[in-house]
Structure formats: C-alpha cells, structure tokens
Amino acid sequence: MLLISVFFALILSVHSTSIEEYGAIPDDSSVFVAQNNAAAFLQSLLVANSSDKYFYIPNKTYYIFPISVSTLKNLTIEISG
C-alpha cells in the first residue's frame, strides 16, 4: 500500500501544480494567510494553465479572498477528497 501511495504522489507531482507549492497554508483563517492563499491559488492556476499540468487542491481547508481569472483555457482541476 505504501508503494502505491508513493508512486501516486510521484506521478501527481510531475503532472500537477499544487497550491501548497506556492505557499498556500491550510486551516488558518487569518486575513494575512487568506491574502497569501489567494495569491498562491492564482499563481498555481496560471502555471497550470500555461503548461500541461493539472491544478491540484489537496484535501484540506484553505481560506482565501476572492480571485478573478478570465484567461484560463483547457485547464484540468483536480480536488482531493
């Protein structure tokens, strides 16, 4: 079972970009973290959109401020959980 989990994690990391790679912090509702999480979401979305990667959101709670993006094309979003 551990081998399968490690294999899945390696495949996912090669083909996806996660919000945590850009500094998103789960389970913190402070204004400062919510602002940073919004920036991490936006950056991860833009990287995924400009490459062949998935936009991946781990199975955690992220507090963010609203963001707006209008230039996304052919983007795959994967949400864990």
C-alpha atoms as a PDB file:
ATOM      1  CA  MET A   1       0.000   0.000   0.000  1.00  0.00           C
ATOM      2  CA  LEU A   2       2.835   2.421   0.826  1.00  0.00           C
ATOM      3  CA  LEU A   3       4.468   1.738  -2.546  1.00  0.00           C
ATOM      4  CA  ILE A   4       1.235   2.615  -4.352  1.00  0.00           C
ATOM      5  CA  SER A   5       0.895   5.844  -2.354  1.00  0.00           C
ATOM      6  CA  VAL A   6       4.465   6.877  -3.108  1.00  0.00           C
ATOM      7  CA  PHE A   7       4.017   6.042  -6.801  1.00  0.00           C
ATOM      8  CA  PHE A   8       0.790   8.079  -6.951  1.00  0.00           C
ATOM      9  CA  ALA A   9       2.468  11.020  -5.213  1.00  0.00           C
ATOM     10  CA  LEU A  10       5.350  10.963  -7.703  1.00  0.00           C
ATOM     11  CA  ILE A  11       3.021  10.817 -10.709  1.00  0.00           C
ATOM     12  CA  LEU A  12       0.880  13.617  -9.282  1.00  0.00           C
ATOM     13  CA  SER A  13       3.869  15.879  -8.595  1.00  0.00           C
ATOM     14  CA  VAL A  14       5.165  15.544 -12.160  1.00  0.00           C
ATOM     15  CA  HIS A  15       1.812  16.249 -13.803  1.00  0.00           C
ATOM     16  CA  SER A  16       0.283  18.779 -11.440  1.00  0.00           C
ATOM     17  CA  THR A  17       0.896  22.050  -9.707  1.00  0.00           C
ATOM     18  CA  SER A  18      -0.381  22.319  -6.162  1.00  0.00           C
ATOM     19  CA  ILE A  19      -1.432  25.422  -4.320  1.00  0.00           C
ATOM     20  CA  GLU A  20       0.920  24.423  -1.489  1.00  0.00           C
ATOM     21  CA  GLU A  21       3.894  24.682  -3.873  1.00  0.00           C
ATOM     22  CA  TYR A  22       3.131  28.402  -3.997  1.00  0.00           C
ATOM     23  CA  GLY A  23       2.766  28.919  -0.266  1.00  0.00           C
ATOM     24  CA  ALA A  24      -0.887  28.167   0.491  1.00  0.00           C
ATOM     25  CA  ILE A  25      -1.399  27.363   4.160  1.00  0.00           C
ATOM     26  CA  PRO A  26      -4.355  25.227   5.241  1.00  0.00           C
ATOM     27  CA  ASP A  27      -6.528  25.681   8.333  1.00  0.00           C
ATOM     28  CA  ASP A  28      -5.587  29.303   9.087  1.00  0.00           C
ATOM     29  CA  SER A  29      -8.380  31.870   8.752  1.00  0.00           C
ATOM     30  CA  SER A  30      -6.287  34.969   9.454  1.00  0.00           C
ATOM     31  CA  VAL A  31      -6.530  37.833   6.972  1.00  0.00           C
ATOM     32  CA  PHE A  32      -2.810  37.658   6.183  1.00  0.00           C
ATOM     33  CA  VAL A  33      -2.934  33.944   5.330  1.00  0.00           C
ATOM     34  CA  ALA A  34      -6.166  34.318   3.329  1.00  0.00           C
ATOM     35  CA  GLN A  35      -4.482  37.012   1.214  1.00  0.00           C
ATOM     36  CA  ASN A  36      -1.413  34.829   0.673  1.00  0.00           C
ATOM     37  CA  ASN A  37      -3.574  31.797  -0.122  1.00  0.00           C
ATOM     38  CA  ALA A  38      -5.418  33.791  -2.792  1.00  0.00           C
ATOM     39  CA  ALA A  39      -2.066  34.702  -4.373  1.00  0.00           C
ATOM     40  CA  ALA A  40      -0.963  31.048  -4.194  1.00  0.00           C
ATOM     41  CA  PHE A  41      -4.200  29.907  -5.858  1.00  0.00           C
ATOM     42  CA  LEU A  42      -3.783  32.455  -8.631  1.00  0.00           C
ATOM     43  CA  GLN A  43      -0.125  31.623  -9.251  1.00  0.00           C
ATOM     44  CA  SER A  44      -0.792  27.885  -9.297  1.00  0.00           C
ATOM     45  CA  LEU A  45      -3.736  28.358 -11.682  1.00  0.00           C
ATOM     46  CA  LEU A  46      -1.632  30.414 -14.057  1.00  0.00           C
ATOM     47  CA  VAL A  47       1.245  27.919 -14.032  1.00  0.00           C
ATOM     48  CA  ALA A  48      -1.112  25.005 -14.667  1.00  0.00           C
ATOM     49  CA  ASN A  49      -2.831  26.927 -17.441  1.00  0.00           C
ATOM     50  CA  SER A  50       0.444  27.750 -19.207  1.00  0.00           C
ATOM     51  CA  SER A  51       1.690  24.143 -19.070  1.00  0.00           C
ATOM     52  CA  ASP A  52       0.270  20.668 -19.437  1.00  0.00           C
ATOM     53  CA  LYS A  53      -0.178  20.295 -15.691  1.00  0.00           C
ATOM     54  CA  TYR A  54      -3.276  19.788 -13.575  1.00  0.00           C
ATOM     55  CA  PHE A  55      -4.293  22.355 -10.973  1.00  0.00           C
ATOM     56  CA  TYR A  56      -4.346  20.298  -7.770  1.00  0.00           C
ATOM     57  CA  ILE A  57      -6.039  21.185  -4.485  1.00  0.00           C
ATOM     58  CA  PRO A  58      -5.157  18.889  -1.553  1.00  0.00           C
ATOM     59  CA  ASN A  59      -7.890  17.632   0.780  1.00  0.00           C
ATOM     60  CA  LYS A  60      -7.529  20.447   3.312  1.00  0.00           C
ATOM     61  CA  THR A  61      -9.354  23.673   4.191  1.00  0.00           C
ATOM     62  CA  TYR A  62      -7.958  26.842   2.639  1.00  0.00           C
ATOM     63  CA  TYR A  63      -9.283  30.301   3.445  1.00  0.00           C
ATOM     64  CA  ILE A  64      -8.864  32.710   0.526  1.00  0.00           C
ATOM     65  CA  PHE A  65     -10.005  36.101  -0.624  1.00  0.00           C
ATOM     66  CA  PRO A  66     -11.916  36.177  -3.916  1.00  0.00           C
ATOM     67  CA  ILE A  67      -9.813  35.996  -7.068  1.00  0.00           C
ATOM     68  CA  SER A  68     -10.800  36.541 -10.664  1.00  0.00           C
ATOM     69  CA  VAL A  69      -9.202  34.952 -13.703  1.00  0.00           C
ATOM     70  CA  SER A  70     -10.551  35.283 -17.223  1.00  0.00           C
ATOM     71  CA  THR A  71      -7.799  33.827 -19.406  1.00  0.00           C
ATOM     72  CA  LEU A  72      -7.901  30.140 -18.495  1.00  0.00           C
ATOM     73  CA  LYS A  73      -8.115  27.596 -21.318  1.00  0.00           C
ATOM     74  CA  ASN A  74      -8.058  23.804 -21.296  1.00  0.00           C
ATOM     75  CA  LEU A  75      -7.324  23.612 -17.587  1.00  0.00           C
ATOM     76  CA  THR A  76      -7.906  20.458 -15.574  1.00  0.00           C
ATOM     77  CA  ILE A  77      -8.656  20.932 -11.882  1.00  0.00           C
ATOM     78  CA  GLU A  78      -8.188  18.018  -9.506  1.00  0.00           C
ATOM     79  CA  ILE A  79      -9.564  18.280  -5.975  1.00  0.00           C
ATOM     80  CA  SER A  80      -8.510  15.641  -3.475  1.00  0.00           C
ATOM     81  CA  GLY A  81     -11.212  14.300  -1.210  1.00  0.00           C
END
